[in-house]
Amino acid sequence: MSGHNGFRALDALVARVLSARVKALEAAAKAKPSAATLRASAHEKLAQGANLTRPEAGAYLGVSTKKIQRMDDAGTLPRCPGFGSSVLYSARDVLRLASASAPKGA
């Protein structure tokens, strides 16, 4: 066995390991957090007065992310400016909507 063949075997092993890592990272990126996880994250951020993502705002308000997007388009829930392509909503706006939709007298 020459040294050249040994490097080919090593290269093949490295390629398999890297391929497995890439697949694991892709699977982790595709995994969606549960609704309970999103609600918990939203509660923590709201307690700190931090901005919420679209999925967190939807989980907190009990609506879909599509509904949040429609509210954004209608101006009911405006995005925080200055974050480029990241969509964030202020804690104040989310809490305002949550209190407006709460049952009266409860």
N, C-alpha and C. Protein backbone atom coordinates (compact mmCIF):
# COMPACT_ATOMS: atom_id res chain seq x y z
N MET A 1 0.85 -1.18 0.00
CA MET A 1 0.00 0.00 0.00
C MET A 1 0.89 1.23 0.00
N SER A 2 0.70 2.07 -0.98
CA SER A 2 1.52 3.27 -1.07
C SER A 2 0.92 4.38 -0.20
N GLY A 3 1.72 5.40 0.05
CA GLY A 3 1.25 6.53 0.84
C GLY A 3 0.09 7.24 0.19
N HIS A 4 0.06 7.26 -1.11
CA HIS A 4 -1.01 7.94 -1.83
C HIS A 4 -2.37 7.29 -1.54
N ASN A 5 -2.41 5.96 -1.55
CA ASN A 5 -3.65 5.25 -1.24
C ASN A 5 -4.09 5.50 0.19
N GLY A 6 -3.16 5.63 1.09
CA GLY A 6 -3.48 5.92 2.48
C GLY A 6 -4.16 7.28 2.63
N PHE A 7 -3.71 8.24 1.87
CA PHE A 7 -4.34 9.56 1.91
C PHE A 7 -5.74 9.52 1.33
N ARG A 8 -5.95 8.72 0.30
CA ARG A 8 -7.29 8.59 -0.27
C ARG A 8 -8.27 8.04 0.76
N ALA A 9 -7.80 7.04 1.51
CA ALA A 9 -8.65 6.46 2.54
C ALA A 9 -8.95 7.50 3.63
N LEU A 10 -7.95 8.27 4.00
CA LEU A 10 -8.14 9.31 5.01
C LEU A 10 -9.10 10.39 4.49
N ASP A 11 -8.92 10.80 3.24
CA ASP A 11 -9.82 11.78 2.64
C ASP A 11 -11.26 11.28 2.61
N ALA A 12 -11.43 10.00 2.29
CA ALA A 12 -12.78 9.43 2.25
C ALA A 12 -13.40 9.43 3.64
N LEU A 13 -12.62 9.11 4.66
CA LEU A 13 -13.12 9.12 6.04
C LEU A 13 -13.51 10.53 6.46
N VAL A 14 -12.66 11.50 6.17
CA VAL A 14 -12.96 12.89 6.51
C VAL A 14 -14.24 13.34 5.80
N ALA A 15 -14.39 12.96 4.54
CA ALA A 15 -15.58 13.33 3.79
C ALA A 15 -16.84 12.73 4.41
N ARG A 16 -16.77 11.47 4.86
CA ARG A 16 -17.93 10.84 5.49
C ARG A 16 -18.28 11.52 6.80
N VAL A 17 -17.27 11.85 7.60
CA VAL A 17 -17.51 12.51 8.88
C VAL A 17 -18.13 13.89 8.66
N LEU A 18 -17.58 14.64 7.73
CA LEU A 18 -18.12 15.97 7.44
C LEU A 18 -19.53 15.89 6.89
N SER A 19 -19.80 14.92 6.04
CA SER A 19 -21.14 14.74 5.49
C SER A 19 -22.14 14.43 6.59
N ALA A 20 -21.75 13.60 7.54
CA ALA A 20 -22.64 13.27 8.66
C ALA A 20 -22.91 14.50 9.51
N ARG A 21 -21.89 15.33 9.72
CA ARG A 21 -22.08 16.55 10.51
C ARG A 21 -23.01 17.54 9.80
N VAL A 22 -22.84 17.68 8.50
CA VAL A 22 -23.69 18.58 7.73
C VAL A 22 -25.14 18.11 7.80
N LYS A 23 -25.37 16.80 7.65
CA LYS A 23 -26.74 16.28 7.73
C LYS A 23 -27.35 16.52 9.10
N ALA A 24 -26.56 16.36 10.16
CA ALA A 24 -27.05 16.60 11.51
C ALA A 24 -27.40 18.07 11.71
N LEU A 25 -26.58 18.97 11.20
CA LEU A 25 -26.87 20.40 11.31
C LEU A 25 -28.10 20.79 10.51
N GLU A 26 -28.26 20.22 9.33
CA GLU A 26 -29.45 20.51 8.52
C GLU A 26 -30.70 20.03 9.22
N ALA A 27 -30.65 18.86 9.82
CA ALA A 27 -31.81 18.33 10.55
C ALA A 27 -32.15 19.22 11.74
N ALA A 28 -31.14 19.68 12.45
CA ALA A 28 -31.38 20.56 13.59
C ALA A 28 -31.97 21.89 13.15
N ALA A 29 -31.52 22.40 12.02
CA ALA A 29 -32.04 23.67 11.52
C ALA A 29 -33.49 23.55 11.08
N LYS A 30 -33.87 22.39 10.55
CA LYS A 30 -35.24 22.18 10.09
C LYS A 30 -36.22 21.89 11.22
N ALA A 31 -35.71 21.43 12.35
CA ALA A 31 -36.57 21.08 13.48
C ALA A 31 -37.23 22.35 14.02
N LYS A 32 -38.54 22.32 14.12
CA LYS A 32 -39.27 23.47 14.64
C LYS A 32 -39.43 23.33 16.15
N PRO A 33 -39.26 24.43 16.87
CA PRO A 33 -39.50 24.36 18.31
C PRO A 33 -41.00 24.16 18.57
N SER A 34 -41.33 23.52 19.66
CA SER A 34 -42.73 23.27 19.98
C SER A 34 -43.42 24.57 20.38
N ALA A 35 -44.75 24.54 20.34
CA ALA A 35 -45.53 25.73 20.72
C ALA A 35 -45.26 26.10 22.18
N ALA A 36 -45.12 25.09 23.03
CA ALA A 36 -44.85 25.36 24.44
C ALA A 36 -43.49 26.04 24.61
N THR A 37 -42.51 25.61 23.85
CA THR A 37 -41.18 26.22 23.91
C THR A 37 -41.25 27.67 23.44
N LEU A 38 -41.99 27.90 22.36
CA LEU A 38 -42.12 29.27 21.85
C LEU A 38 -42.86 30.17 22.85
N ARG A 39 -43.92 29.65 23.48
CA ARG A 39 -44.66 30.44 24.47
C ARG A 39 -43.76 30.78 25.65
N ALA A 40 -42.99 29.80 26.12
CA ALA A 40 -42.09 30.05 27.25
C ALA A 40 -41.04 31.09 26.89
N SER A 41 -40.50 30.99 25.69
CA SER A 41 -39.53 31.97 25.23
C SER A 41 -40.15 33.36 25.15
N ALA A 42 -41.38 33.42 24.65
CA ALA A 42 -42.08 34.70 24.53
C ALA A 42 -42.32 35.31 25.91
N HIS A 43 -42.76 34.50 26.87
CA HIS A 43 -43.00 35.00 28.23
C HIS A 43 -41.72 35.57 28.84
N GLU A 44 -40.61 34.86 28.66
CA GLU A 44 -39.33 35.34 29.18
C GLU A 44 -38.94 36.67 28.55
N LYS A 45 -39.06 36.75 27.23
CA LYS A 45 -38.68 37.98 26.53
C LYS A 45 -39.60 39.14 26.92
N LEU A 46 -40.90 38.87 27.05
CA LEU A 46 -41.83 39.93 27.43
C LEU A 46 -41.54 40.44 28.84
N ALA A 47 -41.16 39.54 29.73
CA ALA A 47 -40.81 39.96 31.10
C ALA A 47 -39.60 40.88 31.10
N GLN A 48 -38.71 40.69 30.12
CA GLN A 48 -37.51 41.53 30.02
C GLN A 48 -37.74 42.75 29.13
N GLY A 49 -38.88 42.80 28.45
CA GLY A 49 -39.15 43.90 27.53
C GLY A 49 -38.41 43.77 26.21
N ALA A 50 -38.01 42.54 25.86
CA ALA A 50 -37.24 42.30 24.63
C ALA A 50 -38.18 42.08 23.45
N ASN A 51 -37.64 42.26 22.25
CA ASN A 51 -38.40 42.05 21.02
C ASN A 51 -38.66 40.57 20.79
N LEU A 52 -39.79 40.27 20.13
CA LEU A 52 -40.17 38.90 19.84
C LEU A 52 -40.09 38.61 18.35
N THR A 53 -39.79 37.37 18.01
CA THR A 53 -39.82 36.93 16.62
C THR A 53 -41.27 36.66 16.23
N ARG A 54 -41.51 36.47 14.94
CA ARG A 54 -42.87 36.18 14.46
C ARG A 54 -43.43 34.92 15.10
N PRO A 55 -42.68 33.79 15.13
CA PRO A 55 -43.23 32.59 15.77
C PRO A 55 -43.52 32.78 17.27
N GLU A 56 -42.66 33.52 17.97
CA GLU A 56 -42.89 33.77 19.40
C GLU A 56 -44.13 34.63 19.61
N ALA A 57 -44.29 35.67 18.80
CA ALA A 57 -45.47 36.52 18.91
C ALA A 57 -46.74 35.72 18.63
N GLY A 58 -46.69 34.87 17.61
CA GLY A 58 -47.85 34.05 17.29
C GLY A 58 -48.19 33.08 18.40
N ALA A 59 -47.18 32.45 18.98
CA ALA A 59 -47.42 31.50 20.07
C ALA A 59 -48.00 32.22 21.29
N TYR A 60 -47.49 33.40 21.59
CA TYR A 60 -47.98 34.15 22.75
C TYR A 60 -49.43 34.59 22.55
N LEU A 61 -49.75 35.06 21.35
CA LEU A 61 -51.09 35.55 21.07
C LEU A 61 -52.06 34.42 20.71
N GLY A 62 -51.54 33.23 20.48
CA GLY A 62 -52.39 32.09 20.16
C GLY A 62 -52.89 32.10 18.72
N VAL A 63 -52.10 32.66 17.82
CA VAL A 63 -52.45 32.69 16.41
C VAL A 63 -51.28 32.16 15.58
N SER A 64 -51.54 31.91 14.31
CA SER A 64 -50.49 31.38 13.44
C SER A 64 -49.51 32.48 13.04
N THR A 65 -48.37 32.05 12.54
CA THR A 65 -47.39 33.02 12.05
C THR A 65 -47.94 33.73 10.81
N LYS A 66 -48.77 33.05 10.04
CA LYS A 66 -49.40 33.68 8.87
C LYS A 66 -50.32 34.82 9.32
N LYS A 67 -51.06 34.61 10.41
CA LYS A 67 -51.93 35.66 10.95
C LYS A 67 -51.09 36.84 11.43
N ILE A 68 -49.97 36.55 12.07
CA ILE A 68 -49.06 37.63 12.52
C ILE A 68 -48.57 38.42 11.31
N GLN A 69 -48.24 37.72 10.24
CA GLN A 69 -47.79 38.40 9.02
C GLN A 69 -48.90 39.28 8.44
N ARG A 70 -50.13 38.79 8.46
CA ARG A 70 -51.25 39.61 7.96
C ARG A 70 -51.48 40.83 8.85
N MET A 71 -51.30 40.66 10.17
CA MET A 71 -51.43 41.79 11.09
C MET A 71 -50.32 42.81 10.82
N ASP A 72 -49.15 42.33 10.51
CA ASP A 72 -48.02 43.18 10.16
C ASP A 72 -48.36 43.97 8.89
N ASP A 73 -48.84 43.28 7.86
CA ASP A 73 -49.20 43.93 6.60
C ASP A 73 -50.29 44.98 6.79
N ALA A 74 -51.24 44.70 7.70
CA ALA A 74 -52.35 45.62 7.94
C ALA A 74 -51.95 46.78 8.85
N GLY A 75 -50.81 46.68 9.50
CA GLY A 75 -50.36 47.74 10.40
C GLY A 75 -50.84 47.55 11.83
N THR A 76 -51.53 46.47 12.11
CA THR A 76 -52.01 46.19 13.46
C THR A 76 -50.86 45.84 14.41
N LEU A 77 -49.88 45.16 13.88
CA LEU A 77 -48.70 44.78 14.65
C LEU A 77 -47.47 45.17 13.84
N PRO A 78 -46.98 46.39 14.02
CA PRO A 78 -45.84 46.85 13.21
C PRO A 78 -44.52 46.20 13.62
N ARG A 79 -43.66 46.00 12.64
CA ARG A 79 -42.32 45.48 12.89
C ARG A 79 -41.47 46.54 13.57
N CYS A 80 -40.46 46.08 14.28
CA CYS A 80 -39.46 46.99 14.82
C CYS A 80 -38.56 47.41 13.66
N PRO A 81 -38.36 48.70 13.48
CA PRO A 81 -37.50 49.15 12.39
C PRO A 81 -36.03 48.95 12.72
N GLY A 82 -35.23 48.88 11.67
CA GLY A 82 -33.79 48.87 11.84
C GLY A 82 -33.16 47.50 12.01
N PHE A 83 -33.89 46.44 11.73
CA PHE A 83 -33.33 45.10 11.87
C PHE A 83 -33.14 44.41 10.53
N GLY A 84 -33.18 45.16 9.46
CA GLY A 84 -32.96 44.60 8.13
C GLY A 84 -34.02 43.59 7.77
N SER A 85 -33.59 42.40 7.36
CA SER A 85 -34.54 41.37 6.96
C SER A 85 -35.06 40.56 8.14
N SER A 86 -34.54 40.79 9.34
CA SER A 86 -35.05 40.11 10.53
C SER A 86 -36.37 40.73 10.93
N VAL A 87 -37.34 39.90 11.23
CA VAL A 87 -38.67 40.38 11.61
C VAL A 87 -38.81 40.26 13.11
N LEU A 88 -38.91 41.40 13.79
CA LEU A 88 -39.08 41.43 15.23
C LEU A 88 -40.21 42.39 15.58
N TYR A 89 -40.91 42.06 16.66
CA TYR A 89 -42.01 42.89 17.13
C TYR A 89 -41.71 43.32 18.56
N SER A 90 -42.08 44.56 18.89
CA SER A 90 -41.77 45.07 20.23
C SER A 90 -42.68 44.41 21.26
N ALA A 91 -42.14 44.24 22.45
CA ALA A 91 -42.90 43.65 23.55
C ALA A 91 -44.14 44.48 23.83
N ARG A 92 -44.01 45.78 23.77
CA ARG A 92 -45.13 46.68 24.06
C ARG A 92 -46.30 46.43 23.10
N ASP A 93 -46.00 46.28 21.79
CA ASP A 93 -47.06 46.06 20.81
C ASP A 93 -47.73 44.70 20.99
N VAL A 94 -46.94 43.68 21.29
CA VAL A 94 -47.51 42.34 21.49
C VAL A 94 -48.39 42.33 22.74
N LEU A 95 -47.92 42.94 23.82
CA LEU A 95 -48.72 43.01 25.04
C LEU A 95 -49.99 43.83 24.84
N ARG A 96 -49.90 44.89 24.04
CA ARG A 96 -51.08 45.71 23.74
C ARG A 96 -52.14 44.86 23.04
N LEU A 97 -51.72 44.08 22.06
CA LEU A 97 -52.68 43.22 21.36
C LEU A 97 -53.23 42.14 22.27
N ALA A 98 -52.39 41.59 23.13
CA ALA A 98 -52.85 40.54 24.04
C ALA A 98 -53.89 41.08 25.02
N SER A 99 -53.70 42.29 25.52
CA SER A 99 -54.67 42.86 26.46
C SER A 99 -55.94 43.29 25.75
N ALA A 100 -55.84 43.70 24.49
CA ALA A 100 -57.03 44.10 23.74
C ALA A 100 -57.90 42.91 23.40
N SER A 101 -57.30 41.73 23.24
CA SER A 101 -58.08 40.56 22.87
C SER A 101 -58.49 39.74 24.08
N ALA A 102 -58.08 40.16 25.28
CA ALA A 102 -58.45 39.42 26.50
C ALA A 102 -59.94 39.62 26.76
N PRO A 103 -60.61 38.61 27.30
CA PRO A 103 -62.02 38.74 27.61
C PRO A 103 -62.26 39.83 28.65
N LYS A 104 -63.25 40.64 28.45
CA LYS A 104 -63.56 41.74 29.37
C LYS A 104 -64.19 41.17 30.65
N GLY A 105 -63.78 41.73 31.78
CA GLY A 105 -64.33 41.32 33.06
C GLY A 105 -63.73 40.03 33.60
N ALA A 106 -62.71 39.53 32.96
CA ALA A 106 -62.11 38.27 33.42
C ALA A 106 -61.03 38.55 34.43
